[in-house]
Amino acid sequence: MMEALNIANDPPAGVRVRVAGPTESGWRIVGLWDSREAFETFRSERLAPVLQGGGGPTPTFEFWPIESVIIR
C-alpha cells in the first residue's frame, strides 16, 4: 500500500506531518494537514483508489482541531 501511495517520494499537497505504527488491531496513522479539504482531496484522489484495489478493510477517520505543534 505504501508503494502504491508513494507518500515518501511524492507527498500529497497539504500534509505537514505523518506518523504511523502498528497497534494490536492493525495500524494507527496520525496526520497533520493544512486543512480538512486538503486531506479530503488526498483521500478521494489517491487513498480511495488504493484501498479499493487492495481489498483491505476501510479505515475509520477521526478529525479534531490542533491547538499547537512542537517539533524539537
N, C-alpha and C. Protein backbone atom coordinates (compact mmCIF):
# COMPACT_ATOMS: atom_id res chain seq x y z
N MET A 1 0.81 -1.18 0.00
CA MET A 1 0.00 0.00 0.00
C MET A 1 0.86 1.26 0.00
N MET A 2 1.92 1.28 0.81
CA MET A 2 2.79 2.45 0.86
C MET A 2 3.47 2.69 -0.48
N GLU A 3 3.85 1.62 -1.16
CA GLU A 3 4.43 1.79 -2.50
C GLU A 3 3.42 2.40 -3.45
N ALA A 4 2.20 1.93 -3.40
CA ALA A 4 1.17 2.44 -4.30
C ALA A 4 0.84 3.90 -4.01
N LEU A 5 0.83 4.29 -2.75
CA LEU A 5 0.55 5.68 -2.40
C LEU A 5 1.72 6.60 -2.69
N ASN A 6 2.95 6.07 -2.62
CA ASN A 6 4.17 6.82 -2.92
C ASN A 6 4.27 8.11 -2.10
N ILE A 7 3.89 8.05 -0.84
CA ILE A 7 3.88 9.23 0.01
C ILE A 7 5.29 9.75 0.28
N ALA A 8 6.25 8.85 0.47
CA ALA A 8 7.61 9.29 0.80
C ALA A 8 8.24 10.09 -0.34
N ASN A 9 8.03 9.67 -1.58
CA ASN A 9 8.64 10.35 -2.72
C ASN A 9 7.76 11.44 -3.34
N ASP A 10 6.46 11.35 -3.11
CA ASP A 10 5.52 12.31 -3.68
C ASP A 10 4.45 12.62 -2.64
N PRO A 11 4.83 13.39 -1.60
CA PRO A 11 3.85 13.66 -0.55
C PRO A 11 2.66 14.45 -1.09
N PRO A 12 1.48 14.15 -0.58
CA PRO A 12 0.30 14.87 -1.06
C PRO A 12 0.33 16.34 -0.63
N ALA A 13 -0.26 17.18 -1.43
CA ALA A 13 -0.34 18.60 -1.10
C ALA A 13 -1.10 18.78 0.21
N GLY A 14 -0.54 19.59 1.09
CA GLY A 14 -1.22 19.93 2.32
C GLY A 14 -0.86 19.09 3.53
N VAL A 15 -0.11 18.00 3.35
CA VAL A 15 0.28 17.20 4.51
C VAL A 15 1.53 17.83 5.13
N ARG A 16 1.52 17.98 6.45
CA ARG A 16 2.66 18.58 7.17
C ARG A 16 3.43 17.54 7.96
N VAL A 17 2.70 16.66 8.63
CA VAL A 17 3.32 15.63 9.47
C VAL A 17 2.52 14.35 9.31
N ARG A 18 3.23 13.23 9.25
CA ARG A 18 2.56 11.93 9.20
C ARG A 18 3.37 10.98 10.05
N VAL A 19 2.71 10.35 11.00
CA VAL A 19 3.34 9.33 11.82
C VAL A 19 2.47 8.09 11.75
N ALA A 20 3.10 6.92 11.75
CA ALA A 20 2.35 5.67 11.63
C ALA A 20 3.08 4.58 12.38
N GLY A 21 2.31 3.64 12.90
CA GLY A 21 2.91 2.49 13.56
C GLY A 21 1.87 1.42 13.84
N PRO A 22 2.35 0.21 14.09
CA PRO A 22 1.43 -0.91 14.32
C PRO A 22 0.76 -0.81 15.70
N THR A 23 -0.45 -1.33 15.76
CA THR A 23 -1.19 -1.46 17.02
C THR A 23 -1.64 -2.91 17.14
N GLU A 24 -2.30 -3.24 18.22
CA GLU A 24 -2.78 -4.61 18.39
C GLU A 24 -3.83 -4.98 17.35
N SER A 25 -4.53 -3.97 16.81
CA SER A 25 -5.61 -4.26 15.86
C SER A 25 -5.30 -3.84 14.43
N GLY A 26 -4.09 -3.44 14.15
CA GLY A 26 -3.74 -3.02 12.79
C GLY A 26 -2.70 -1.92 12.80
N TRP A 27 -3.04 -0.80 12.20
CA TRP A 27 -2.12 0.34 12.15
C TRP A 27 -2.83 1.60 12.60
N ARG A 28 -2.09 2.50 13.20
CA ARG A 28 -2.60 3.83 13.55
C ARG A 28 -1.77 4.84 12.78
N ILE A 29 -2.44 5.70 12.06
CA ILE A 29 -1.78 6.76 11.29
C ILE A 29 -2.36 8.08 11.74
N VAL A 30 -1.48 8.99 12.09
CA VAL A 30 -1.88 10.33 12.50
C VAL A 30 -1.23 11.31 11.54
N GLY A 31 -2.05 12.17 10.97
CA GLY A 31 -1.53 13.16 10.03
C GLY A 31 -1.94 14.56 10.42
N LEU A 32 -1.07 15.49 10.18
CA LEU A 32 -1.37 16.91 10.37
C LEU A 32 -1.44 17.54 8.99
N TRP A 33 -2.58 18.10 8.65
CA TRP A 33 -2.84 18.64 7.33
C TRP A 33 -3.10 20.14 7.40
N ASP A 34 -2.84 20.83 6.31
CA ASP A 34 -3.15 22.26 6.23
C ASP A 34 -4.64 22.51 6.45
N SER A 35 -5.47 21.60 5.96
CA SER A 35 -6.91 21.76 6.07
C SER A 35 -7.58 20.41 5.89
N ARG A 36 -8.81 20.34 6.31
CA ARG A 36 -9.58 19.12 6.08
C ARG A 36 -9.80 18.92 4.58
N GLU A 37 -9.96 20.00 3.86
CA GLU A 37 -10.15 19.92 2.41
C GLU A 37 -8.94 19.29 1.73
N ALA A 38 -7.73 19.62 2.19
CA ALA A 38 -6.52 19.02 1.62
C ALA A 38 -6.52 17.51 1.84
N PHE A 39 -6.91 17.08 3.06
CA PHE A 39 -7.00 15.65 3.32
C PHE A 39 -8.06 14.99 2.45
N GLU A 40 -9.22 15.62 2.33
CA GLU A 40 -10.30 15.04 1.53
C GLU A 40 -9.89 14.87 0.07
N THR A 41 -9.11 15.80 -0.45
CA THR A 41 -8.59 15.67 -1.81
C THR A 41 -7.68 14.45 -1.91
N PHE A 42 -6.76 14.31 -0.95
CA PHE A 42 -5.87 13.14 -0.92
C PHE A 42 -6.70 11.86 -0.81
N ARG A 43 -7.66 11.88 0.08
CA ARG A 43 -8.49 10.68 0.30
C ARG A 43 -9.22 10.25 -0.96
N SER A 44 -9.81 11.20 -1.67
CA SER A 44 -10.60 10.83 -2.85
C SER A 44 -9.72 10.53 -4.07
N GLU A 45 -8.62 11.25 -4.23
CA GLU A 45 -7.81 11.09 -5.44
C GLU A 45 -6.74 10.01 -5.34
N ARG A 46 -6.21 9.77 -4.16
CA ARG A 46 -5.11 8.81 -4.03
C ARG A 46 -5.42 7.64 -3.10
N LEU A 47 -5.96 7.92 -1.93
CA LEU A 47 -6.16 6.86 -0.95
C LEU A 47 -7.29 5.91 -1.33
N ALA A 48 -8.43 6.44 -1.70
CA ALA A 48 -9.59 5.58 -2.02
C ALA A 48 -9.28 4.58 -3.14
N PRO A 49 -8.66 5.02 -4.25
CA PRO A 49 -8.36 4.03 -5.30
C PRO A 49 -7.42 2.92 -4.83
N VAL A 50 -6.44 3.25 -4.00
CA VAL A 50 -5.51 2.23 -3.50
C VAL A 50 -6.23 1.28 -2.56
N LEU A 51 -7.07 1.82 -1.68
CA LEU A 51 -7.83 0.96 -0.76
C LEU A 51 -8.76 0.04 -1.52
N GLN A 52 -9.42 0.54 -2.54
CA GLN A 52 -10.35 -0.29 -3.33
C GLN A 52 -9.60 -1.41 -4.03
N GLY A 53 -8.40 -1.14 -4.51
CA GLY A 53 -7.62 -2.15 -5.20
C GLY A 53 -6.97 -3.16 -4.27
N GLY A 54 -6.79 -2.78 -3.00
CA GLY A 54 -6.10 -3.65 -2.05
C GLY A 54 -6.97 -4.67 -1.38
N GLY A 55 -8.26 -4.46 -1.37
CA GLY A 55 -9.17 -5.42 -0.77
C GLY A 55 -9.16 -5.45 0.74
N GLY A 56 -8.47 -4.52 1.38
CA GLY A 56 -8.44 -4.49 2.84
C GLY A 56 -9.65 -3.77 3.41
N PRO A 57 -9.71 -3.71 4.72
CA PRO A 57 -10.83 -3.04 5.36
C PRO A 57 -10.77 -1.52 5.13
N THR A 58 -11.93 -0.89 5.13
CA THR A 58 -11.99 0.56 5.00
C THR A 58 -11.64 1.17 6.34
N PRO A 59 -10.66 2.06 6.38
CA PRO A 59 -10.27 2.66 7.66
C PRO A 59 -11.32 3.64 8.15
N THR A 60 -11.30 3.88 9.44
CA THR A 60 -12.13 4.92 10.02
C THR A 60 -11.26 6.15 10.23
N PHE A 61 -11.86 7.31 10.18
CA PHE A 61 -11.12 8.56 10.31
C PHE A 61 -11.72 9.38 11.45
N GLU A 62 -10.85 10.04 12.20
CA GLU A 62 -11.26 10.98 13.23
C GLU A 62 -10.59 12.31 12.91
N PHE A 63 -11.29 13.39 13.19
CA PHE A 63 -10.75 14.72 12.93
C PHE A 63 -10.91 15.57 14.19
N TRP A 64 -9.91 16.36 14.49
CA TRP A 64 -10.02 17.30 15.58
C TRP A 64 -9.10 18.48 15.32
N PRO A 65 -9.45 19.66 15.85
CA PRO A 65 -8.62 20.84 15.63
C PRO A 65 -7.32 20.72 16.44
N ILE A 66 -6.28 21.31 15.92
CA ILE A 66 -4.97 21.31 16.58
C ILE A 66 -4.73 22.69 17.17
N GLU A 67 -4.39 22.71 18.43
CA GLU A 67 -4.09 23.96 19.11
C GLU A 67 -2.64 24.40 18.85
N SER A 68 -1.71 23.43 18.93
CA SER A 68 -0.30 23.78 18.71
C SER A 68 0.48 22.52 18.35
N VAL A 69 1.64 22.74 17.77
CA VAL A 69 2.56 21.66 17.40
C VAL A 69 3.96 22.07 17.85
N ILE A 70 4.63 21.16 18.53
CA ILE A 70 6.01 21.41 18.94
C ILE A 70 6.88 20.31 18.35
N ILE A 71 7.87 20.71 17.57
CA ILE A 71 8.81 19.77 16.98
C ILE A 71 10.20 20.16 17.44
N ARG A 72 10.91 19.22 17.99
CA ARG A 72 12.27 19.51 18.51
C ARG A 72 13.31 18.96 17.62
